[in-house]
Amino acid sequence: MEYTPNLNLKKPGLKDNILISDINENMETLDGAVSELQKGNTSIPDLETVDKTLAGAINEVKNEMTGHVIDPMPHMFIDNGITYRWGFRTVNNGEPQIIYEEVTG
């Protein structure tokens, strides 16, 4: 049996017997951890950033967001062999709208 590094949840191996009691214990642990987050009694660990300073992390997020402002359709997907760009915009006082277009050429 292996265990997760943070919450010590039980992770049965491929050849281990799976016990309902182990699954229930894992669920109780997860429920308690989520409850503490919802109540604000604990904090989420810091996000990893390239620049470990607060200003550097803010600038990283800002730079990521700027790309979306410059290109309203930064994402791509393929449907039946056709590639599309897609993104979001707001209309009518802030209602979100998904936009997409076929990529040609």
PDB file of N, CA and C in Angstrom:
ATOM      1  N   MET A   1       0.856  -1.181   0.000  1.00  0.00           N
ATOM      2  CA  MET A   1       0.000   0.000   0.000  1.00  0.00           C
ATOM      3  C   MET A   1       0.893   1.232   0.000  1.00  0.00           C
ATOM      4  N   GLU A   2       0.567   2.171  -0.864  1.00  0.00           N
ATOM      5  CA  GLU A   2       1.257   3.462  -0.878  1.00  0.00           C
ATOM      6  C   GLU A   2       0.319   4.509  -0.286  1.00  0.00           C
ATOM      7  N   TYR A   3       0.893   5.680   0.045  1.00  0.00           N
ATOM      8  CA  TYR A   3       0.114   6.774   0.633  1.00  0.00           C
ATOM      9  C   TYR A   3       0.454   8.073  -0.084  1.00  0.00           C
ATOM     10  N   THR A   4      -0.537   8.965  -0.197  1.00  0.00           N
ATOM     11  CA  THR A   4      -0.284  10.257  -0.829  1.00  0.00           C
ATOM     12  C   THR A   4       0.581  11.107   0.090  1.00  0.00           C
ATOM     13  N   PRO A   5       1.405  12.014  -0.481  1.00  0.00           N
ATOM     14  CA  PRO A   5       2.354  12.771   0.334  1.00  0.00           C
ATOM     15  C   PRO A   5       1.727  13.836   1.233  1.00  0.00           C
ATOM     16  N   ASN A   6       0.607  14.399   0.862  1.00  0.00           N
ATOM     17  CA  ASN A   6       0.064  15.522   1.629  1.00  0.00           C
ATOM     18  C   ASN A   6      -0.987  15.120   2.656  1.00  0.00           C
ATOM     19  N   LEU A   7      -1.958  14.332   2.261  1.00  0.00           N
ATOM     20  CA  LEU A   7      -3.044  13.972   3.168  1.00  0.00           C
ATOM     21  C   LEU A   7      -2.935  12.537   3.656  1.00  0.00           C
ATOM     22  N   ASN A   8      -1.889  11.831   3.235  1.00  0.00           N
ATOM     23  CA  ASN A   8      -1.657  10.451   3.650  1.00  0.00           C
ATOM     24  C   ASN A   8      -2.841   9.547   3.305  1.00  0.00           C
ATOM     25  N   LEU A   9      -3.441   9.791   2.127  1.00  0.00           N
ATOM     26  CA  LEU A   9      -4.543   8.953   1.672  1.00  0.00           C
ATOM     27  C   LEU A   9      -3.994   7.604   1.246  1.00  0.00           C
ATOM     28  N   LYS A  10      -4.772   6.572   1.439  1.00  0.00           N
ATOM     29  CA  LYS A  10      -4.350   5.224   1.075  1.00  0.00           C
ATOM     30  C   LYS A  10      -4.477   5.035  -0.433  1.00  0.00           C
ATOM     31  N   LYS A  11      -3.411   4.501  -1.056  1.00  0.00           N
ATOM     32  CA  LYS A  11      -3.391   4.225  -2.490  1.00  0.00           C
ATOM     33  C   LYS A  11      -3.057   2.750  -2.701  1.00  0.00           C
ATOM     34  N   PRO A  12      -4.083   1.906  -2.813  1.00  0.00           N
ATOM     35  CA  PRO A  12      -3.801   0.494  -3.006  1.00  0.00           C
ATOM     36  C   PRO A  12      -3.074   0.259  -4.330  1.00  0.00           C
ATOM     37  N   GLY A  13      -2.151  -0.693  -4.307  1.00  0.00           N
ATOM     38  CA  GLY A  13      -1.444  -1.076  -5.517  1.00  0.00           C
ATOM     39  C   GLY A  13      -2.333  -1.942  -6.398  1.00  0.00           C
ATOM     40  N   LEU A  14      -1.847  -2.257  -7.592  1.00  0.00           N
ATOM     41  CA  LEU A  14      -2.626  -3.050  -8.531  1.00  0.00           C
ATOM     42  C   LEU A  14      -2.974  -4.438  -7.991  1.00  0.00           C
ATOM     43  N   LYS A  15      -2.140  -4.982  -7.100  1.00  0.00           N
ATOM     44  CA  LYS A  15      -2.381  -6.322  -6.574  1.00  0.00           C
ATOM     45  C   LYS A  15      -2.912  -6.310  -5.148  1.00  0.00           C
ATOM     46  N   ASP A  16      -3.124  -5.104  -4.575  1.00  0.00           N
ATOM     47  CA  ASP A  16      -3.661  -4.999  -3.216  1.00  0.00           C
ATOM     48  C   ASP A  16      -5.168  -5.221  -3.219  1.00  0.00           C
ATOM     49  N   ASN A  17      -5.671  -5.749  -2.121  1.00  0.00           N
ATOM     50  CA  ASN A  17      -7.123  -5.810  -1.943  1.00  0.00           C
ATOM     51  C   ASN A  17      -7.633  -4.408  -1.644  1.00  0.00           C
ATOM     52  N   ILE A  18      -8.776  -4.077  -2.203  1.00  0.00           N
ATOM     53  CA  ILE A  18      -9.367  -2.758  -1.964  1.00  0.00           C
ATOM     54  C   ILE A  18     -10.461  -2.926  -0.921  1.00  0.00           C
ATOM     55  N   LEU A  19     -10.307  -2.203   0.167  1.00  0.00           N
ATOM     56  CA  LEU A  19     -11.275  -2.291   1.251  1.00  0.00           C
ATOM     57  C   LEU A  19     -12.161  -1.050   1.257  1.00  0.00           C
ATOM     58  N   ILE A  20     -13.445  -1.269   1.413  1.00  0.00           N
ATOM     59  CA  ILE A  20     -14.388  -0.153   1.510  1.00  0.00           C
ATOM     60  C   ILE A  20     -14.008   0.744   2.682  1.00  0.00           C
ATOM     61  N   SER A  21     -13.523   0.172   3.755  1.00  0.00           N
ATOM     62  CA  SER A  21     -13.135   0.981   4.922  1.00  0.00           C
ATOM     63  C   SER A  21     -11.994   1.942   4.570  1.00  0.00           C
ATOM     64  N   ASP A  22     -11.053   1.508   3.693  1.00  0.00           N
ATOM     65  CA  ASP A  22      -9.973   2.404   3.257  1.00  0.00           C
ATOM     66  C   ASP A  22     -10.529   3.555   2.427  1.00  0.00           C
ATOM     67  N   ILE A  23     -11.460   3.239   1.538  1.00  0.00           N
ATOM     68  CA  ILE A  23     -12.083   4.283   0.712  1.00  0.00           C
ATOM     69  C   ILE A  23     -12.834   5.269   1.610  1.00  0.00           C
ATOM     70  N   ASN A  24     -13.570   4.746   2.587  1.00  0.00           N
ATOM     71  CA  ASN A  24     -14.320   5.621   3.496  1.00  0.00           C
ATOM     72  C   ASN A  24     -13.385   6.506   4.318  1.00  0.00           C
ATOM     73  N   GLU A  25     -12.250   5.954   4.777  1.00  0.00           N
ATOM     74  CA  GLU A  25     -11.277   6.763   5.521  1.00  0.00           C
ATOM     75  C   GLU A  25     -10.728   7.882   4.638  1.00  0.00           C
ATOM     76  N   ASN A  26     -10.411   7.553   3.386  1.00  0.00           N
ATOM     77  CA  ASN A  26      -9.939   8.581   2.450  1.00  0.00           C
ATOM     78  C   ASN A  26     -10.988   9.680   2.273  1.00  0.00           C
ATOM     79  N   MET A  27     -12.259   9.287   2.142  1.00  0.00           N
ATOM     80  CA  MET A  27     -13.336  10.273   1.958  1.00  0.00           C
ATOM     81  C   MET A  27     -13.470  11.178   3.177  1.00  0.00           C
ATOM     82  N   GLU A  28     -13.355  10.604   4.373  1.00  0.00           N
ATOM     83  CA  GLU A  28     -13.430  11.403   5.602  1.00  0.00           C
ATOM     84  C   GLU A  28     -12.278  12.402   5.667  1.00  0.00           C
ATOM     85  N   THR A  29     -11.086  11.955   5.279  1.00  0.00           N
ATOM     86  CA  THR A  29      -9.920  12.849   5.280  1.00  0.00           C
ATOM     87  C   THR A  29     -10.116  13.986   4.288  1.00  0.00           C
ATOM     88  N   LEU A  30     -10.575  13.660   3.074  1.00  0.00           N
ATOM     89  CA  LEU A  30     -10.814  14.690   2.058  1.00  0.00           C
ATOM     90  C   LEU A  30     -11.905  15.660   2.496  1.00  0.00           C
ATOM     91  N   ASP A  31     -12.988  15.125   3.051  1.00  0.00           N
ATOM     92  CA  ASP A  31     -14.086  15.973   3.511  1.00  0.00           C
ATOM     93  C   ASP A  31     -13.610  16.945   4.586  1.00  0.00           C
ATOM     94  N   GLY A  32     -12.796  16.457   5.509  1.00  0.00           N
ATOM     95  CA  GLY A  32     -12.271  17.325   6.564  1.00  0.00           C
ATOM     96  C   GLY A  32     -11.350  18.404   6.021  1.00  0.00           C
ATOM     97  N   ALA A  33     -10.482  18.042   5.056  1.00  0.00           N
ATOM     98  CA  ALA A  33      -9.556  19.016   4.484  1.00  0.00           C
ATOM     99  C   ALA A  33     -10.300  20.097   3.712  1.00  0.00           C
ATOM    100  N   VAL A  34     -11.304  19.692   2.936  1.00  0.00           N
ATOM    101  CA  VAL A  34     -12.081  20.674   2.169  1.00  0.00           C
ATOM    102  C   VAL A  34     -12.875  21.569   3.114  1.00  0.00           C
ATOM    103  N   SER A  35     -13.422  20.990   4.163  1.00  0.00           N
ATOM    104  CA  SER A  35     -14.179  21.764   5.139  1.00  0.00           C
ATOM    105  C   SER A  35     -13.305  22.845   5.786  1.00  0.00           C
ATOM    106  N   GLU A  36     -12.062  22.500   6.124  1.00  0.00           N
ATOM    107  CA  GLU A  36     -11.147  23.477   6.719  1.00  0.00           C
ATOM    108  C   GLU A  36     -10.847  24.611   5.739  1.00  0.00           C
ATOM    109  N   LEU A  37     -10.692  24.278   4.454  1.00  0.00           N
ATOM    110  CA  LEU A  37     -10.468  25.326   3.453  1.00  0.00           C
ATOM    111  C   LEU A  37     -11.686  26.230   3.335  1.00  0.00           C
ATOM    112  N   GLN A  38     -12.876  25.638   3.309  1.00  0.00           N
ATOM    113  CA  GLN A  38     -14.105  26.427   3.192  1.00  0.00           C
ATOM    114  C   GLN A  38     -14.310  27.350   4.386  1.00  0.00           C
ATOM    115  N   LYS A  39     -13.941  26.889   5.560  1.00  0.00           N
ATOM    116  CA  LYS A  39     -14.094  27.695   6.773  1.00  0.00           C
ATOM    117  C   LYS A  39     -13.014  28.758   6.894  1.00  0.00           C
ATOM    118  N   GLY A  40     -11.957  28.635   6.092  1.00  0.00           N
ATOM    119  CA  GLY A  40     -10.862  29.587   6.181  1.00  0.00           C
ATOM    120  C   GLY A  40      -9.912  29.294   7.324  1.00  0.00           C
ATOM    121  N   ASN A  41      -9.972  28.084   7.872  1.00  0.00           N
ATOM    122  CA  ASN A  41      -9.099  27.717   8.989  1.00  0.00           C
ATOM    123  C   ASN A  41      -7.699  27.322   8.546  1.00  0.00           C
ATOM    124  N   THR A  42      -7.520  27.122   7.274  1.00  0.00           N
ATOM    125  CA  THR A  42      -6.214  26.740   6.748  1.00  0.00           C
ATOM    126  C   THR A  42      -6.015  27.465   5.426  1.00  0.00           C
ATOM    127  N   SER A  43      -4.828  27.451   4.920  1.00  0.00           N
ATOM    128  CA  SER A  43      -4.564  28.163   3.675  1.00  0.00           C
ATOM    129  C   SER A  43      -4.065  27.205   2.615  1.00  0.00           C
ATOM    130  N   ILE A  44      -4.251  27.603   1.381  1.00  0.00           N
ATOM    131  CA  ILE A  44      -3.741  26.842   0.256  1.00  0.00           C
ATOM    132  C   ILE A  44      -2.268  27.193   0.107  1.00  0.00           C
ATOM    133  N   PRO A  45      -1.404  26.209  -0.144  1.00  0.00           N
ATOM    134  CA  PRO A  45       0.024  26.509  -0.292  1.00  0.00           C
ATOM    135  C   PRO A  45       0.269  27.522  -1.409  1.00  0.00           C
ATOM    136  N   ASP A  46       1.367  28.263  -1.275  1.00  0.00           N
ATOM    137  CA  ASP A  46       1.720  29.262  -2.280  1.00  0.00           C
ATOM    138  C   ASP A  46       1.827  28.627  -3.658  1.00  0.00           C
ATOM    139  N   LEU A  47       1.437  29.374  -4.659  1.00  0.00           N
ATOM    140  CA  LEU A  47       1.590  28.916  -6.034  1.00  0.00           C
ATOM    141  C   LEU A  47       3.054  28.990  -6.430  1.00  0.00           C
ATOM    142  N   GLU A  48       3.486  28.055  -7.238  1.00  0.00           N
ATOM    143  CA  GLU A  48       4.863  28.069  -7.726  1.00  0.00           C
ATOM    144  C   GLU A  48       4.987  29.107  -8.837  1.00  0.00           C
ATOM    145  N   THR A  49       6.008  29.922  -8.761  1.00  0.00           N
ATOM    146  CA  THR A  49       6.291  30.891  -9.810  1.00  0.00           C
ATOM    147  C   THR A  49       7.776  30.854 -10.109  1.00  0.00           C
ATOM    148  N   VAL A  50       8.128  31.331 -11.288  1.00  0.00           N
ATOM    149  CA  VAL A  50       9.533  31.379 -11.666  1.00  0.00           C
ATOM    150  C   VAL A  50      10.260  32.372 -10.775  1.00  0.00           C
ATOM    151  N   ASP A  51       9.693  33.564 -10.649  1.00  0.00           N
ATOM    152  CA  ASP A  51      10.270  34.607  -9.802  1.00  0.00           C
ATOM    153  C   ASP A  51       9.631  34.477  -8.422  1.00  0.00           C
ATOM    154  N   LYS A  52      10.426  34.210  -7.396  1.00  0.00           N
ATOM    155  CA  LYS A  52       9.894  33.929  -6.063  1.00  0.00           C
ATOM    156  C   LYS A  52       9.469  35.167  -5.278  1.00  0.00           C
ATOM    157  N   THR A  53       9.640  36.365  -5.851  1.00  0.00           N
ATOM    158  CA  THR A  53       9.205  37.562  -5.138  1.00  0.00           C
ATOM    159  C   THR A  53       7.730  37.824  -5.431  1.00  0.00           C
ATOM    160  N   LEU A  54       7.071  38.542  -4.558  1.00  0.00           N
ATOM    161  CA  LEU A  54       5.666  38.867  -4.758  1.00  0.00           C
ATOM    162  C   LEU A  54       5.475  39.671  -6.039  1.00  0.00           C
ATOM    163  N   ALA A  55       6.321  40.686  -6.235  1.00  0.00           N
ATOM    164  CA  ALA A  55       6.206  41.519  -7.442  1.00  0.00           C
ATOM    165  C   ALA A  55       6.432  40.672  -8.696  1.00  0.00           C
ATOM    166  N   GLY A  56       7.410  39.764  -8.634  1.00  0.00           N
ATOM    167  CA  GLY A  56       7.677  38.906  -9.788  1.00  0.00           C
ATOM    168  C   GLY A  56       6.495  38.013 -10.107  1.00  0.00           C
ATOM    169  N   ALA A  57       5.864  37.448  -9.074  1.00  0.00           N
ATOM    170  CA  ALA A  57       4.708  36.587  -9.287  1.00  0.00           C
ATOM    171  C   ALA A  57       3.537  37.375  -9.877  1.00  0.00           C
ATOM    172  N   ILE A  58       3.313  38.579  -9.373  1.00  0.00           N
ATOM    173  CA  ILE A  58       2.241  39.424  -9.908  1.00  0.00           C
ATOM    174  C   ILE A  58       2.507  39.740 -11.375  1.00  0.00           C
ATOM    175  N   ASN A  59       3.750  40.057 -11.709  1.00  0.00           N
ATOM    176  CA  ASN A  59       4.081  40.354 -13.104  1.00  0.00           C
ATOM    177  C   ASN A  59       3.904  39.130 -13.998  1.00  0.00           C
ATOM    178  N   GLU A  60       4.207  37.936 -13.485  1.00  0.00           N
ATOM    179  CA  GLU A  60       3.994  36.726 -14.278  1.00  0.00           C
ATOM    180  C   GLU A  60       2.516  36.567 -14.617  1.00  0.00           C
ATOM    181  N   VAL A  61       1.658  36.747 -13.611  1.00  0.00           N
ATOM    182  CA  VAL A  61       0.221  36.640 -13.849  1.00  0.00           C
ATOM    183  C   VAL A  61      -0.238  37.728 -14.814  1.00  0.00           C
ATOM    184  N   LYS A  62       0.244  38.939 -14.619  1.00  0.00           N
ATOM    185  CA  LYS A  62      -0.120  40.059 -15.491  1.00  0.00           C
ATOM    186  C   LYS A  62       0.268  39.755 -16.936  1.00  0.00           C
ATOM    187  N   ASN A  63       1.484  39.222 -17.135  1.00  0.00           N
ATOM    188  CA  ASN A  63       1.930  38.906 -18.487  1.00  0.00           C
ATOM    189  C   ASN A  63       1.084  37.813 -19.114  1.00  0.00           C
ATOM    190  N   GLU A  64       0.671  36.825 -18.325  1.00  0.00           N
ATOM    191  CA  GLU A  64      -0.200  35.784 -18.855  1.00  0.00           C
ATOM    192  C   GLU A  64      -1.544  36.377 -19.262  1.00  0.00           C
ATOM    193  N   MET A  65      -2.079  37.280 -18.464  1.00  0.00           N
ATOM    194  CA  MET A  65      -3.372  37.886 -18.752  1.00  0.00           C
ATOM    195  C   MET A  65      -3.292  38.809 -19.958  1.00  0.00           C
ATOM    196  N   THR A  66      -2.169  39.493 -20.130  1.00  0.00           N
ATOM    197  CA  THR A  66      -2.018  40.408 -21.257  1.00  0.00           C
ATOM    198  C   THR A  66      -2.165  39.658 -22.571  1.00  0.00           C
ATOM    199  N   GLY A  67      -1.644  38.437 -22.630  1.00  0.00           N
ATOM    200  CA  GLY A  67      -1.775  37.638 -23.842  1.00  0.00           C
ATOM    201  C   GLY A  67      -3.220  37.410 -24.217  1.00  0.00           C
ATOM    202  N   HIS A  68      -4.091  37.226 -23.233  1.00  0.00           N
ATOM    203  CA  HIS A  68      -5.504  37.031 -23.517  1.00  0.00           C
ATOM    204  C   HIS A  68      -6.166  38.331 -23.962  1.00  0.00           C
ATOM    205  N   VAL A  69      -5.705  39.438 -23.459  1.00  0.00           N
ATOM    206  CA  VAL A  69      -6.275  40.715 -23.872  1.00  0.00           C
ATOM    207  C   VAL A  69      -5.879  41.017 -25.318  1.00  0.00           C
ATOM    208  N   ILE A  70      -4.626  40.745 -25.657  1.00  0.00           N
ATOM    209  CA  ILE A  70      -4.143  40.999 -27.010  1.00  0.00           C
ATOM    210  C   ILE A  70      -4.802  40.043 -28.005  1.00  0.00           C
ATOM    211  N   ASP A  71      -4.904  38.766 -27.663  1.00  0.00           N
ATOM    212  CA  ASP A  71      -5.492  37.765 -28.540  1.00  0.00           C
ATOM    213  C   ASP A  71      -6.731  37.196 -27.855  1.00  0.00           C
ATOM    214  N   PRO A  72      -7.928  37.627 -28.254  1.00  0.00           N
ATOM    215  CA  PRO A  72      -9.134  37.158 -27.589  1.00  0.00           C
ATOM    216  C   PRO A  72      -9.429  35.674 -27.854  1.00  0.00           C
ATOM    217  N   MET A  73      -8.719  35.056 -28.815  1.00  0.00           N
ATOM    218  CA  MET A  73      -8.925  33.638 -29.107  1.00  0.00           C
ATOM    219  C   MET A  73      -7.586  32.900 -29.065  1.00  0.00           C
ATOM    220  N   PRO A  74      -6.970  32.771 -27.870  1.00  0.00           N
ATOM    221  CA  PRO A  74      -5.647  32.168 -27.776  1.00  0.00           C
ATOM    222  C   PRO A  74      -5.647  30.638 -27.765  1.00  0.00           C
ATOM    223  N   HIS A  75      -6.821  30.032 -27.680  1.00  0.00           N
ATOM    224  CA  HIS A  75      -6.898  28.576 -27.552  1.00  0.00           C
ATOM    225  C   HIS A  75      -7.259  27.943 -28.901  1.00  0.00           C
ATOM    226  N   MET A  76      -6.934  26.641 -29.037  1.00  0.00           N
ATOM    227  CA  MET A  76      -7.252  25.939 -30.276  1.00  0.00           C
ATOM    228  C   MET A  76      -7.848  24.575 -29.958  1.00  0.00           C
ATOM    229  N   PHE A  77      -8.711  24.094 -30.858  1.00  0.00           N
ATOM    230  CA  PHE A  77      -9.195  22.723 -30.770  1.00  0.00           C
ATOM    231  C   PHE A  77      -9.411  22.215 -32.190  1.00  0.00           C
ATOM    232  N   ILE A  78      -9.458  20.889 -32.328  1.00  0.00           N
ATOM    233  CA  ILE A  78      -9.671  20.258 -33.634  1.00  0.00           C
ATOM    234  C   ILE A  78     -10.958  19.461 -33.559  1.00  0.00           C
ATOM    235  N   ASP A  79     -11.824  19.648 -34.559  1.00  0.00           N
ATOM    236  CA  ASP A  79     -13.082  18.933 -34.632  1.00  0.00           C
ATOM    237  C   ASP A  79     -13.215  18.374 -36.039  1.00  0.00           C
ATOM    238  N   ASN A  80     -13.275  17.056 -36.165  1.00  0.00           N
ATOM    239  CA  ASN A  80     -13.377  16.384 -37.463  1.00  0.00           C
ATOM    240  C   ASN A  80     -12.303  16.852 -38.434  1.00  0.00           C
ATOM    241  N   GLY A  81     -11.084  17.015 -37.932  1.00  0.00           N
ATOM    242  CA  GLY A  81      -9.960  17.389 -38.779  1.00  0.00           C
ATOM    243  C   GLY A  81      -9.862  18.876 -39.089  1.00  0.00           C
ATOM    244  N   ILE A  82     -10.793  19.674 -38.585  1.00  0.00           N
ATOM    245  CA  ILE A  82     -10.776  21.125 -38.812  1.00  0.00           C
ATOM    246  C   ILE A  82     -10.293  21.797 -37.535  1.00  0.00           C
ATOM    247  N   THR A  83      -9.307  22.688 -37.653  1.00  0.00           N
ATOM    248  CA  THR A  83      -8.756  23.391 -36.491  1.00  0.00           C
ATOM    249  C   THR A  83      -9.493  24.710 -36.299  1.00  0.00           C
ATOM    250  N   TYR A  84      -9.830  24.988 -35.041  1.00  0.00           N
ATOM    251  CA  TYR A  84     -10.521  26.227 -34.684  1.00  0.00           C
ATOM    252  C   TYR A  84      -9.726  26.946 -33.595  1.00  0.00           C
ATOM    253  N   ARG A  85      -9.758  28.292 -33.622  1.00  0.00           N
ATOM    254  CA  ARG A  85      -9.276  29.126 -32.526  1.00  0.00           C
ATOM    255  C   ARG A  85     -10.499  29.475 -31.712  1.00  0.00           C
ATOM    256  N   TRP A  86     -10.324  29.593 -30.380  1.00  0.00           N
ATOM    257  CA  TRP A  86     -11.470  29.989 -29.570  1.00  0.00           C
ATOM    258  C   TRP A  86     -11.034  30.798 -28.363  1.00  0.00           C
ATOM    259  N   GLY A  87     -12.003  31.485 -27.786  1.00  0.00           N
ATOM    260  CA  GLY A  87     -11.752  32.308 -26.614  1.00  0.00           C
ATOM    261  C   GLY A  87     -13.071  32.830 -26.066  1.00  0.00           C
ATOM    262  N   PHE A  88     -12.975  33.837 -25.236  1.00  0.00           N
ATOM    263  CA  PHE A  88     -14.158  34.442 -24.618  1.00  0.00           C
ATOM    264  C   PHE A  88     -14.160  35.944 -24.868  1.00  0.00           C
ATOM    265  N   ARG A  89     -15.329  36.512 -24.870  1.00  0.00           N
ATOM    266  CA  ARG A  89     -15.487  37.967 -24.841  1.00  0.00           C
ATOM    267  C   ARG A  89     -16.748  38.236 -24.037  1.00  0.00           C
ATOM    268  N   THR A  90     -16.963  39.492 -23.707  1.00  0.00           N
ATOM    269  CA  THR A  90     -18.176  39.852 -22.989  1.00  0.00           C
ATOM    270  C   THR A  90     -19.050  40.719 -23.873  1.00  0.00           C
ATOM    271  N   VAL A  91     -20.347  40.536 -23.716  1.00  0.00           N
ATOM    272  CA  VAL A  91     -21.344  41.314 -24.456  1.00  0.00           C
ATOM    273  C   VAL A  91     -22.445  41.694 -23.479  1.00  0.00           C
ATOM    274  N   ASN A  92     -23.263  42.641 -23.854  1.00  0.00           N
ATOM    275  CA  ASN A  92     -24.435  43.025 -23.049  1.00  0.00           C
ATOM    276  C   ASN A  92     -24.113  43.188 -21.560  1.00  0.00           C
ATOM    277  N   ASN A  93     -23.316  44.160 -21.253  1.00  0.00           N
ATOM    278  CA  ASN A  93     -22.977  44.459 -19.858  1.00  0.00           C
ATOM    279  C   ASN A  93     -22.280  43.303 -19.130  1.00  0.00           C
ATOM    280  N   GLY A  94     -21.358  42.646 -19.821  1.00  0.00           N
ATOM    281  CA  GLY A  94     -20.518  41.661 -19.152  1.00  0.00           C
ATOM    282  C   GLY A  94     -20.916  40.213 -19.282  1.00  0.00           C
ATOM    283  N   GLU A  95     -21.933  39.886 -20.081  1.00  0.00           N
ATOM    284  CA  GLU A  95     -22.272  38.478 -20.263  1.00  0.00           C
ATOM    285  C   GLU A  95     -21.157  37.794 -21.041  1.00  0.00           C
ATOM    286  N   PRO A  96     -20.658  36.653 -20.543  1.00  0.00           N
ATOM    287  CA  PRO A  96     -19.587  35.963 -21.271  1.00  0.00           C
ATOM    288  C   PRO A  96     -20.129  35.280 -22.528  1.00  0.00           C
ATOM    289  N   GLN A  97     -19.324  35.288 -23.549  1.00  0.00           N
ATOM    290  CA  GLN A  97     -19.701  34.639 -24.801  1.00  0.00           C
ATOM    291  C   GLN A  97     -18.482  33.906 -25.355  1.00  0.00           C
ATOM    292  N   ILE A  98     -18.661  32.646 -25.725  1.00  0.00           N
ATOM    293  CA  ILE A  98     -17.584  31.883 -26.348  1.00  0.00           C
ATOM    294  C   ILE A  98     -17.546  32.265 -27.821  1.00  0.00           C
ATOM    295  N   ILE A  99     -16.335  32.560 -28.314  1.00  0.00           N
ATOM    296  CA  ILE A  99     -16.169  32.893 -29.725  1.00  0.00           C
ATOM    297  C   ILE A  99     -15.162  31.917 -30.328  1.00  0.00           C
ATOM    298  N   TYR A 100     -15.365  31.581 -31.604  1.00  0.00           N
ATOM    299  CA  TYR A 100     -14.414  30.705 -32.277  1.00  0.00           C
ATOM    300  C   TYR A 100     -14.476  30.954 -33.778  1.00  0.00           C
ATOM    301  N   GLU A 101     -13.411  30.544 -34.441  1.00  0.00           N
ATOM    302  CA  GLU A 101     -13.368  30.654 -35.895  1.00  0.00           C
ATOM    303  C   GLU A 101     -12.450  29.571 -36.447  1.00  0.00           C
ATOM    304  N   GLU A 102     -12.723  29.150 -37.666  1.00  0.00           N
ATOM    305  CA  GLU A 102     -11.888  28.149 -38.306  1.00  0.00           C
ATOM    306  C   GLU A 102     -10.536  28.736 -38.671  1.00  0.00           C
ATOM    307  N   VAL A 103      -9.486  27.975 -38.446  1.00  0.00           N
ATOM    308  CA  VAL A 103      -8.149  28.404 -38.809  1.00  0.00           C
ATOM    309  C   VAL A 103      -7.903  27.967 -40.242  1.00  0.00           C
ATOM    310  N   THR A 104      -7.565  28.930 -41.090  1.00  0.00           N
ATOM    311  CA  THR A 104      -7.310  28.606 -42.492  1.00  0.00           C
ATOM    312  C   THR A 104      -5.849  28.863 -42.809  1.00  0.00           C
ATOM    313  N   GLY A 105      -5.356  28.093 -43.751  1.00  0.00           N
ATOM    314  CA  GLY A 105      -3.994  28.319 -44.219  1.00  0.00           C
ATOM    315  C   GLY A 105      -2.999  27.735 -43.406  1.00  0.00           C
TER     316      GLY A 105
END
